[in-house]
Amino acid sequence: MQVAIENMIHEIQKPVDQELSGSQRKAELQSIKQTAVDAKELIVERERLEQLIKTLKDNGELQEQRDYSGGFAEQFSK
């Protein structure tokens, strides 16, 4: 996962070709933007997994995440 994140960051850092114009330039910029979003998602997921591993090491067990939002009936009771 770390290697994938590093590769994505390397791709984002590459300058946009100055010879591109119009729709080609727009497509290139959109590709860079999507790569940045994907990299961010991977970083967030990696941090979540690292926190999960830390919790396991500290407690020796997984703590169940609780959902305190309203259930089905509560959502439609209004």
N, C-alpha and C. Protein backbone atom coordinates (compact mmCIF):
# COMPACT_ATOMS: atom_id res chain seq x y z
N MET A 1 0.83 -1.18 0.00
CA MET A 1 0.00 0.00 0.00
C MET A 1 0.89 1.25 0.00
N GLN A 2 1.95 1.22 0.77
CA GLN A 2 2.86 2.35 0.85
C GLN A 2 3.48 2.64 -0.52
N VAL A 3 3.86 1.60 -1.23
CA VAL A 3 4.47 1.77 -2.55
C VAL A 3 3.46 2.40 -3.52
N ALA A 4 2.22 1.96 -3.45
CA ALA A 4 1.18 2.52 -4.32
C ALA A 4 0.98 4.01 -4.03
N ILE A 5 0.96 4.37 -2.76
CA ILE A 5 0.80 5.77 -2.38
C ILE A 5 1.98 6.60 -2.90
N GLU A 6 3.18 6.09 -2.73
CA GLU A 6 4.37 6.80 -3.21
C GLU A 6 4.36 6.97 -4.72
N ASN A 7 3.92 5.93 -5.44
CA ASN A 7 3.83 6.03 -6.91
C ASN A 7 2.80 7.08 -7.32
N MET A 8 1.68 7.11 -6.63
CA MET A 8 0.64 8.10 -6.95
C MET A 8 1.15 9.51 -6.69
N ILE A 9 1.84 9.71 -5.59
CA ILE A 9 2.39 11.04 -5.27
C ILE A 9 3.40 11.45 -6.33
N HIS A 10 4.22 10.50 -6.78
CA HIS A 10 5.20 10.79 -7.83
C HIS A 10 4.49 11.21 -9.12
N GLU A 11 3.39 10.54 -9.47
CA GLU A 11 2.63 10.90 -10.67
C GLU A 11 2.00 12.28 -10.56
N ILE A 12 1.52 12.62 -9.37
CA ILE A 12 0.90 13.92 -9.16
C ILE A 12 1.92 15.04 -9.30
N GLN A 13 3.15 14.80 -8.88
CA GLN A 13 4.20 15.82 -8.90
C GLN A 13 4.72 16.12 -10.30
N LYS A 14 4.45 15.24 -11.26
CA LYS A 14 4.92 15.48 -12.63
C LYS A 14 4.21 16.70 -13.20
N PRO A 15 4.95 17.58 -13.87
CA PRO A 15 4.30 18.76 -14.46
C PRO A 15 3.42 18.37 -15.65
N VAL A 16 2.39 19.18 -15.89
CA VAL A 16 1.50 18.95 -17.03
C VAL A 16 2.23 19.41 -18.28
N ASP A 17 2.14 18.62 -19.33
CA ASP A 17 2.80 18.95 -20.59
C ASP A 17 2.26 20.28 -21.12
N GLN A 18 3.15 21.21 -21.38
CA GLN A 18 2.75 22.54 -21.84
C GLN A 18 2.22 22.54 -23.27
N GLU A 19 2.53 21.51 -24.02
CA GLU A 19 2.08 21.43 -25.40
C GLU A 19 0.62 21.00 -25.51
N LEU A 20 0.07 20.45 -24.44
CA LEU A 20 -1.33 20.04 -24.47
C LEU A 20 -2.23 21.27 -24.41
N SER A 21 -3.35 21.20 -25.09
CA SER A 21 -4.31 22.30 -25.03
C SER A 21 -5.72 21.74 -25.12
N GLY A 22 -6.67 22.55 -24.70
CA GLY A 22 -8.07 22.19 -24.83
C GLY A 22 -8.45 20.96 -24.04
N SER A 23 -9.13 20.05 -24.73
CA SER A 23 -9.65 18.86 -24.07
C SER A 23 -8.55 17.92 -23.58
N GLN A 24 -7.42 17.90 -24.26
CA GLN A 24 -6.32 17.05 -23.82
C GLN A 24 -5.77 17.53 -22.48
N ARG A 25 -5.62 18.84 -22.35
CA ARG A 25 -5.12 19.41 -21.10
C ARG A 25 -6.12 19.18 -19.98
N LYS A 26 -7.39 19.35 -20.30
CA LYS A 26 -8.45 19.14 -19.30
C LYS A 26 -8.45 17.68 -18.83
N ALA A 27 -8.29 16.75 -19.76
CA ALA A 27 -8.26 15.33 -19.42
C ALA A 27 -7.05 15.01 -18.54
N GLU A 28 -5.93 15.61 -18.85
CA GLU A 28 -4.71 15.40 -18.05
C GLU A 28 -4.89 15.92 -16.63
N LEU A 29 -5.46 17.12 -16.51
CA LEU A 29 -5.69 17.70 -15.19
C LEU A 29 -6.71 16.88 -14.40
N GLN A 30 -7.73 16.37 -15.07
CA GLN A 30 -8.72 15.52 -14.42
C GLN A 30 -8.08 14.22 -13.93
N SER A 31 -7.17 13.68 -14.72
CA SER A 31 -6.46 12.47 -14.33
C SER A 31 -5.61 12.71 -13.08
N ILE A 32 -4.95 13.85 -13.04
CA ILE A 32 -4.13 14.20 -11.87
C ILE A 32 -5.01 14.36 -10.64
N LYS A 33 -6.15 15.01 -10.81
CA LYS A 33 -7.07 15.21 -9.70
C LYS A 33 -7.59 13.87 -9.18
N GLN A 34 -7.94 12.96 -10.07
CA GLN A 34 -8.44 11.65 -9.65
C GLN A 34 -7.35 10.86 -8.93
N THR A 35 -6.13 10.96 -9.39
CA THR A 35 -5.01 10.29 -8.73
C THR A 35 -4.82 10.83 -7.32
N ALA A 36 -4.97 12.15 -7.16
CA ALA A 36 -4.84 12.75 -5.83
C ALA A 36 -5.94 12.27 -4.90
N VAL A 37 -7.16 12.16 -5.40
CA VAL A 37 -8.28 11.67 -4.59
C VAL A 37 -8.04 10.21 -4.20
N ASP A 38 -7.59 9.40 -5.15
CA ASP A 38 -7.30 7.99 -4.86
C ASP A 38 -6.19 7.85 -3.82
N ALA A 39 -5.16 8.67 -3.94
CA ALA A 39 -4.05 8.63 -2.98
C ALA A 39 -4.55 9.01 -1.59
N LYS A 40 -5.40 10.01 -1.52
CA LYS A 40 -5.95 10.42 -0.22
C LYS A 40 -6.75 9.28 0.41
N GLU A 41 -7.56 8.60 -0.39
CA GLU A 41 -8.34 7.47 0.13
C GLU A 41 -7.43 6.37 0.66
N LEU A 42 -6.35 6.09 -0.06
CA LEU A 42 -5.41 5.06 0.40
C LEU A 42 -4.72 5.48 1.70
N ILE A 43 -4.37 6.75 1.81
CA ILE A 43 -3.72 7.24 3.03
C ILE A 43 -4.67 7.12 4.21
N VAL A 44 -5.93 7.49 4.01
CA VAL A 44 -6.92 7.39 5.09
C VAL A 44 -7.11 5.93 5.49
N GLU A 45 -7.19 5.05 4.53
CA GLU A 45 -7.37 3.62 4.81
C GLU A 45 -6.15 3.06 5.55
N ARG A 46 -4.95 3.48 5.13
CA ARG A 46 -3.73 3.02 5.79
C ARG A 46 -3.71 3.49 7.25
N GLU A 47 -4.09 4.73 7.49
CA GLU A 47 -4.13 5.24 8.86
C GLU A 47 -5.16 4.49 9.71
N ARG A 48 -6.29 4.15 9.10
CA ARG A 48 -7.31 3.38 9.82
C ARG A 48 -6.77 1.99 10.19
N LEU A 49 -6.08 1.37 9.26
CA LEU A 49 -5.51 0.05 9.53
C LEU A 49 -4.40 0.12 10.59
N GLU A 50 -3.59 1.18 10.53
CA GLU A 50 -2.55 1.34 11.55
C GLU A 50 -3.16 1.52 12.93
N GLN A 51 -4.26 2.27 13.01
CA GLN A 51 -4.95 2.46 14.29
C GLN A 51 -5.54 1.14 14.77
N LEU A 52 -6.07 0.35 13.86
CA LEU A 52 -6.63 -0.95 14.21
C LEU A 52 -5.53 -1.86 14.76
N ILE A 53 -4.37 -1.86 14.12
CA ILE A 53 -3.25 -2.69 14.59
C ILE A 53 -2.79 -2.22 15.96
N LYS A 54 -2.72 -0.89 16.15
CA LYS A 54 -2.31 -0.36 17.45
C LYS A 54 -3.29 -0.78 18.54
N THR A 55 -4.58 -0.72 18.24
CA THR A 55 -5.60 -1.14 19.20
C THR A 55 -5.45 -2.61 19.55
N LEU A 56 -5.17 -3.41 18.55
CA LEU A 56 -4.97 -4.85 18.79
C LEU A 56 -3.76 -5.10 19.68
N LYS A 57 -2.69 -4.37 19.44
CA LYS A 57 -1.48 -4.55 20.24
C LYS A 57 -1.69 -4.09 21.68
N ASP A 58 -2.41 -2.98 21.85
CA ASP A 58 -2.63 -2.43 23.18
C ASP A 58 -3.62 -3.26 23.99
N ASN A 59 -4.72 -3.64 23.37
CA ASN A 59 -5.79 -4.31 24.09
C ASN A 59 -5.82 -5.82 23.88
N GLY A 60 -5.22 -6.26 22.82
CA GLY A 60 -5.27 -7.68 22.52
C GLY A 60 -6.59 -8.12 21.94
N GLU A 61 -7.46 -7.16 21.62
CA GLU A 61 -8.77 -7.50 21.05
C GLU A 61 -9.27 -6.32 20.24
N LEU A 62 -10.22 -6.61 19.39
CA LEU A 62 -10.87 -5.57 18.61
C LEU A 62 -12.03 -5.00 19.39
N GLN A 63 -12.16 -3.68 19.33
CA GLN A 63 -13.32 -3.07 19.95
C GLN A 63 -14.36 -2.83 18.88
N GLU A 64 -15.55 -3.27 19.15
CA GLU A 64 -16.62 -3.14 18.18
C GLU A 64 -17.05 -1.68 18.10
N GLN A 65 -17.12 -1.16 16.86
CA GLN A 65 -17.60 0.20 16.69
C GLN A 65 -19.11 0.20 16.85
N ARG A 66 -19.59 1.15 17.60
CA ARG A 66 -21.02 1.22 17.85
C ARG A 66 -21.66 2.30 16.99
N ASP A 67 -22.82 1.98 16.48
CA ASP A 67 -23.58 2.91 15.67
C ASP A 67 -24.69 3.47 16.54
N TYR A 68 -24.55 4.75 16.89
CA TYR A 68 -25.55 5.37 17.75
C TYR A 68 -26.60 6.14 16.95
N SER A 69 -26.58 6.03 15.65
CA SER A 69 -27.60 6.70 14.85
C SER A 69 -28.91 5.93 14.98
N GLY A 70 -29.98 6.58 14.67
CA GLY A 70 -31.30 5.96 14.80
C GLY A 70 -31.47 4.77 13.88
N GLY A 71 -32.26 3.84 14.30
CA GLY A 71 -32.54 2.67 13.50
C GLY A 71 -33.56 2.99 12.42
N PHE A 72 -34.02 1.95 11.74
CA PHE A 72 -34.95 2.13 10.63
C PHE A 72 -36.23 2.81 11.08
N ALA A 73 -36.81 2.34 12.17
CA ALA A 73 -38.08 2.92 12.65
C ALA A 73 -37.90 4.37 13.09
N GLU A 74 -36.78 4.68 13.72
CA GLU A 74 -36.55 6.04 14.19
C GLU A 74 -36.35 7.01 13.02
N GLN A 75 -35.81 6.55 11.93
CA GLN A 75 -35.57 7.41 10.78
C GLN A 75 -36.89 7.85 10.14
N PHE A 76 -37.89 7.00 10.19
CA PHE A 76 -39.14 7.30 9.50
C PHE A 76 -40.27 7.63 10.47
N SER A 77 -39.95 7.89 11.73
CA SER A 77 -41.00 8.16 12.71
C SER A 77 -41.54 9.57 12.63
N LYS A 78 -40.85 10.45 11.92
CA LYS A 78 -41.28 11.86 11.87
C LYS A 78 -42.35 12.07 10.85
